[in-house]
Amino acid sequence: MIVAPPYVPAHGLLKGKSVLITAAAGAGIGFAAARRCLEEGARVLVISDIHERRLNEAVAALHGEFPAAAVHGRLANVTVEGDVQNLIGHAEGWTGGVDVLINNAGLGGSKRLVDMGDDEWHRVIDVSLTGTFRMMRAMLKEMLPRKRGVIVNNASVLGWRAQKEQAHYAAAKAGVMALTRCAALEAAEAGVRINAVAPSIAFHEHLKKTSPETLLKELAGREAFGRAAEVWEIANVIVFLASDYSSYLTGEVISASSQRA
């Protein structure tokens, strides 16, 4: 197994940008992306989540690490259209116009298809796919008239490759990939870019609590480096897609995995 590399220093990739990130509380990819955006010079950051305590803790942690940064938290559930409208409206007003939207909200689970109820299927699809659609629809209504903006969606390599007990999640993430490509063509007419990152497996505390250790070790062992990604390694890809360094990329899905897609 090859150990993770040292944390990569910032290069000001998002200097002066305003960023909105969904599902950014806790210790996962969303929070890692929030921290990375501030490190890379974002002038203002709005993070949302459905967990009030964790959201407040995340905002406090970011304020503590970046005392000069403008960071604000907002409760929102991407399965509720009213919450989405309120979140976008609040972020637009508070930032003076969102430059970057990072759609990180998603929901997984493990269940064999023959044992899966309609409620389990719809819950995962509603959060991971339809929630991404709702956020994009609301955000594009603001970005398209301005003729600028970037959206980065969080997909998954399971949108390409199969894994047992993941039919609902894989279907949702494959949908996010297709949604990204189709919406990108429409948004390109106004100069707005939409891309996605497709992580394989990235270890964080919530994942470790909700998934069997044996399964996590097995999945990590399949990677070329023999390890899972660090959440900040996925955040680096997100920041690249959000930055001007990816100015000619739109409708792309970047695999953040050392496995073959």
Protein backbone atom coordinates (compact mmCIF):
# COMPACT_ATOMS: atom_id res chain seq x y z
CA MET A 1 0.00 0.00 0.00
CA ILE A 2 1.23 3.49 -0.86
CA VAL A 3 0.56 6.06 1.84
CA ALA A 4 -1.28 9.29 1.07
CA PRO A 5 0.90 12.16 -0.16
CA PRO A 6 1.42 15.32 1.89
CA TYR A 7 -1.41 17.82 1.88
CA VAL A 8 -1.09 20.00 -1.21
CA PRO A 9 -0.49 23.71 -0.52
CA ALA A 10 -2.97 26.25 -1.91
CA HIS A 11 -2.38 28.17 -5.13
CA GLY A 12 -5.18 30.76 -5.06
CA LEU A 13 -7.32 28.92 -7.60
CA LEU A 14 -10.59 30.43 -6.33
CA LYS A 15 -9.33 33.86 -5.34
CA GLY A 16 -12.23 36.30 -5.08
CA LYS A 17 -14.91 33.69 -5.87
CA SER A 18 -18.13 33.09 -3.95
CA VAL A 19 -19.04 29.45 -3.34
CA LEU A 20 -22.14 27.51 -2.23
CA ILE A 21 -21.76 23.88 -1.11
CA THR A 22 -24.52 21.48 -0.14
CA ALA A 23 -24.12 18.75 2.50
CA ALA A 24 -20.93 20.32 3.83
CA ALA A 25 -21.27 19.49 7.53
CA GLY A 26 -19.40 16.60 9.09
CA ALA A 27 -16.08 15.13 8.03
CA GLY A 28 -16.77 14.11 4.44
CA ILE A 29 -16.03 15.42 0.97
CA GLY A 30 -18.32 18.45 1.39
CA PHE A 31 -16.49 19.80 4.41
CA ALA A 32 -13.12 19.04 2.83
CA ALA A 33 -14.23 21.00 -0.23
CA ALA A 34 -15.38 23.91 1.95
CA ARG A 35 -12.00 24.09 3.66
CA ARG A 36 -10.19 23.79 0.35
CA CYS A 37 -12.24 26.58 -1.22
CA LEU A 38 -11.27 28.94 1.59
CA GLU A 39 -7.63 27.90 1.34
CA GLU A 40 -7.77 28.60 -2.37
CA GLY A 41 -8.98 32.17 -1.77
CA ALA A 42 -12.78 32.07 -1.93
CA ARG A 43 -13.99 35.46 -0.69
CA VAL A 44 -17.28 34.17 0.70
CA LEU A 45 -18.61 30.69 1.42
CA VAL A 46 -22.13 29.43 2.12
CA ILE A 47 -22.50 25.83 3.28
CA SER A 48 -25.75 23.97 3.79
CA ASP A 49 -26.82 20.74 5.45
CA ILE A 50 -29.88 19.11 7.02
CA HIS A 51 -28.14 18.50 10.37
CA GLU A 52 -28.29 21.71 12.40
CA ARG A 53 -25.77 20.77 15.08
CA ARG A 54 -23.21 19.45 12.61
CA LEU A 55 -23.76 22.48 10.38
CA ASN A 56 -23.11 24.88 13.26
CA GLU A 57 -20.01 22.91 14.22
CA ALA A 58 -18.75 23.03 10.64
CA VAL A 59 -19.23 26.80 10.42
CA ALA A 60 -17.49 27.27 13.78
CA ALA A 61 -14.58 25.08 12.68
CA LEU A 62 -14.13 27.03 9.46
CA HIS A 63 -14.35 30.35 11.29
CA GLY A 64 -11.73 29.11 13.72
CA GLU A 65 -9.37 28.08 10.94
CA PHE A 66 -10.11 31.07 8.68
CA PRO A 67 -11.06 33.95 11.02
CA ALA A 68 -10.98 36.54 8.25
CA ALA A 69 -13.23 34.56 5.91
CA ALA A 70 -16.92 35.22 5.37
CA VAL A 71 -18.55 31.86 6.13
CA HIS A 72 -22.25 31.27 6.60
CA GLY A 73 -24.34 28.16 7.22
CA ARG A 74 -27.90 27.54 6.11
CA LEU A 75 -30.17 24.60 6.87
CA ALA A 76 -31.61 23.07 3.71
CA ASN A 77 -33.01 19.77 2.50
CA VAL A 78 -32.47 19.26 -1.24
CA THR A 79 -35.57 17.04 -1.43
CA VAL A 80 -37.77 20.03 -0.53
CA GLU A 81 -38.23 22.58 -3.30
CA GLY A 82 -38.99 25.38 -0.83
CA ASP A 83 -35.71 24.73 0.99
CA VAL A 84 -33.81 24.82 -2.29
CA GLN A 85 -35.40 28.13 -3.32
CA ASN A 86 -34.69 29.65 0.09
CA LEU A 87 -31.09 28.42 0.05
CA ILE A 88 -30.37 29.81 -3.41
CA GLY A 89 -32.10 33.10 -2.59
CA HIS A 90 -30.18 33.45 0.67
CA ALA A 91 -26.84 32.56 -0.93
CA GLU A 92 -27.42 34.95 -3.81
CA GLY A 93 -28.22 37.80 -1.44
CA TRP A 94 -25.45 37.06 1.02
CA THR A 95 -22.71 36.62 -1.59
CA GLY A 96 -23.86 39.20 -4.10
CA GLY A 97 -24.09 36.40 -6.65
CA VAL A 98 -22.85 32.82 -6.40
CA ASP A 99 -19.88 32.08 -8.67
CA VAL A 100 -19.57 28.37 -7.88
CA LEU A 101 -22.16 25.79 -6.81
CA ILE A 102 -20.86 22.45 -5.53
CA ASN A 103 -23.64 19.85 -5.39
CA ASN A 104 -22.41 17.40 -2.78
CA ALA A 105 -25.68 16.17 -1.25
CA GLY A 106 -26.17 12.46 -1.71
CA LEU A 107 -27.53 9.39 0.04
CA GLY A 108 -26.45 5.77 -0.18
CA GLY A 109 -27.25 2.47 1.47
CA SER A 110 -26.78 -1.25 0.90
CA LYS A 111 -29.64 -3.51 -0.13
CA ARG A 112 -30.09 -6.28 -2.67
CA LEU A 113 -32.46 -5.31 -5.44
CA VAL A 114 -34.98 -8.07 -4.69
CA ASP A 115 -35.21 -6.88 -1.07
CA MET A 116 -35.42 -3.16 -1.86
CA GLY A 117 -38.68 -1.37 -1.21
CA ASP A 118 -40.01 1.50 -3.26
CA ASP A 119 -39.40 3.86 -0.35
CA GLU A 120 -35.67 2.99 -0.20
CA TRP A 121 -35.31 3.38 -3.96
CA HIS A 122 -37.11 6.72 -4.06
CA ARG A 123 -35.24 8.09 -1.04
CA VAL A 124 -31.82 7.58 -2.63
CA ILE A 125 -32.95 8.84 -6.05
CA ASP A 126 -34.64 11.89 -4.51
CA VAL A 127 -31.57 13.04 -2.61
CA SER A 128 -28.76 12.04 -4.94
CA LEU A 129 -30.30 12.69 -8.36
CA THR A 130 -33.44 14.79 -8.05
CA GLY A 131 -31.86 16.94 -5.33
CA THR A 132 -28.97 17.71 -7.68
CA PHE A 133 -31.50 18.57 -10.41
CA ARG A 134 -33.41 20.91 -8.08
CA MET A 135 -30.25 22.76 -7.06
CA MET A 136 -29.05 23.09 -10.65
CA ARG A 137 -32.42 24.32 -11.89
CA ALA A 138 -32.60 27.02 -9.23
CA MET A 139 -28.96 28.05 -9.59
CA LEU A 140 -29.00 28.21 -13.38
CA LYS A 141 -31.91 30.66 -13.26
CA GLU A 142 -29.45 33.02 -11.56
CA MET A 143 -26.26 32.14 -13.44
CA LEU A 144 -27.58 32.08 -17.01
CA PRO A 145 -28.72 35.74 -17.08
CA ARG A 146 -25.30 36.74 -15.65
CA LYS A 147 -23.58 34.65 -18.33
CA ARG A 148 -21.06 33.29 -15.86
CA GLY A 149 -20.80 30.62 -13.20
CA VAL A 150 -19.64 27.09 -12.53
CA ILE A 151 -21.45 24.05 -11.17
CA VAL A 152 -19.62 20.95 -9.94
CA ASN A 153 -21.66 17.83 -9.18
CA ASN A 154 -20.57 14.92 -7.02
CA ALA A 155 -21.18 11.68 -8.90
CA SER A 156 -19.51 8.31 -8.27
CA VAL A 157 -17.57 5.69 -10.21
CA LEU A 158 -20.54 3.43 -9.44
CA GLY A 159 -22.28 5.35 -12.21
CA TRP A 160 -19.97 3.39 -14.52
CA ARG A 161 -19.19 0.12 -12.78
CA ALA A 162 -21.28 -2.39 -10.88
CA GLN A 163 -21.30 -3.32 -7.20
CA LYS A 164 -23.70 -5.61 -5.38
CA GLU A 165 -26.37 -4.00 -3.18
CA GLN A 166 -25.83 -0.59 -4.81
CA ALA A 167 -28.44 -0.57 -7.59
CA HIS A 168 -30.28 2.51 -6.26
CA TYR A 169 -27.13 4.52 -5.57
CA ALA A 170 -25.45 3.52 -8.85
CA ALA A 171 -28.58 4.40 -10.82
CA ALA A 172 -28.75 7.79 -9.10
CA LYS A 173 -25.10 8.58 -9.78
CA ALA A 174 -25.33 7.45 -13.40
CA GLY A 175 -28.25 9.87 -13.61
CA VAL A 176 -26.10 12.66 -12.16
CA MET A 177 -23.54 12.01 -14.89
CA ALA A 178 -26.16 12.19 -17.66
CA LEU A 179 -27.77 15.23 -16.06
CA THR A 180 -24.38 16.94 -15.95
CA ARG A 181 -23.69 16.31 -19.63
CA CYS A 182 -27.13 17.41 -20.85
CA ALA A 183 -27.35 20.52 -18.67
CA ALA A 184 -23.80 21.50 -19.65
CA LEU A 185 -24.79 21.77 -23.31
CA GLU A 186 -27.67 24.07 -22.45
CA ALA A 187 -25.60 26.20 -20.05
CA ALA A 188 -22.67 26.52 -22.45
CA GLU A 189 -24.74 28.89 -24.57
CA ALA A 190 -24.42 31.41 -21.72
CA GLY A 191 -20.82 30.61 -20.83
CA VAL A 192 -21.76 28.65 -17.68
CA ARG A 193 -19.77 25.45 -17.10
CA ILE A 194 -21.08 22.24 -15.50
CA ASN A 195 -18.87 19.26 -14.69
CA ALA A 196 -18.80 16.38 -12.22
CA VAL A 197 -16.31 14.44 -10.15
CA ALA A 198 -16.73 10.68 -9.77
CA PRO A 199 -14.93 9.49 -6.63
CA SER A 200 -14.28 5.83 -5.94
CA ILE A 201 -13.87 5.42 -2.19
CA ALA A 202 -12.75 8.14 0.21
CA PHE A 203 -12.54 7.36 3.92
CA HIS A 204 -14.14 9.68 6.46
CA GLU A 205 -15.68 9.19 9.88
CA HIS A 206 -19.31 8.89 8.76
CA LEU A 207 -18.43 6.22 6.21
CA LYS A 208 -16.48 4.27 8.80
CA LYS A 209 -19.46 4.35 11.15
CA THR A 210 -22.01 3.24 8.57
CA SER A 211 -20.08 0.62 6.57
CA PRO A 212 -18.50 -2.67 7.68
CA GLU A 213 -14.75 -2.43 8.14
CA THR A 214 -14.21 -5.58 6.08
CA LEU A 215 -16.06 -4.07 3.11
CA LEU A 216 -14.11 -0.82 3.31
CA LYS A 217 -10.80 -2.70 3.38
CA GLU A 218 -11.87 -4.80 0.41
CA LEU A 219 -12.87 -1.75 -1.64
CA ALA A 220 -9.70 0.14 -0.75
CA GLY A 221 -7.62 -2.89 -1.64
CA ARG A 222 -8.95 -2.82 -5.20
CA GLU A 223 -7.43 0.60 -5.83
CA ALA A 224 -4.10 0.78 -7.66
CA PHE A 225 -2.47 2.53 -4.71
CA GLY A 226 -3.94 -0.02 -2.30
CA ARG A 227 -5.69 2.68 -0.30
CA ALA A 228 -8.81 4.81 -0.28
CA ALA A 229 -8.60 8.46 -1.28
CA GLU A 230 -8.29 11.14 1.35
CA VAL A 231 -11.33 13.43 1.25
CA TRP A 232 -9.06 16.39 0.46
CA GLU A 233 -7.81 14.57 -2.64
CA ILE A 234 -11.38 14.55 -3.96
CA ALA A 235 -11.78 18.18 -2.90
CA ASN A 236 -8.72 19.07 -4.99
CA VAL A 237 -10.45 17.74 -8.11
CA ILE A 238 -13.60 19.68 -7.23
CA VAL A 239 -11.61 22.90 -6.81
CA PHE A 240 -9.86 22.33 -10.13
CA LEU A 241 -13.22 21.95 -11.88
CA ALA A 242 -14.51 25.06 -10.11
CA SER A 243 -11.47 27.11 -11.10
CA ASP A 244 -10.52 28.92 -14.28
CA TYR A 245 -7.90 26.23 -14.90
CA SER A 246 -10.73 24.06 -16.29
CA SER A 247 -12.15 26.84 -18.47
CA TYR A 248 -12.48 24.59 -21.53
CA LEU A 249 -14.11 21.69 -19.69
CA THR A 250 -17.87 21.32 -19.58
CA GLY A 251 -20.09 18.25 -19.52
CA GLU A 252 -17.13 16.22 -18.28
CA VAL A 253 -17.12 13.59 -15.53
CA ILE A 254 -13.67 13.26 -13.97
CA SER A 255 -12.94 9.90 -12.38
CA ALA A 256 -11.13 10.33 -9.05
CA SER A 257 -10.16 6.71 -8.73
CA SER A 258 -7.04 4.68 -9.34
CA GLN A 259 -9.21 1.87 -10.69
CA ARG A 260 -10.19 1.74 -14.30
CA ALA A 261 -13.68 3.16 -14.83
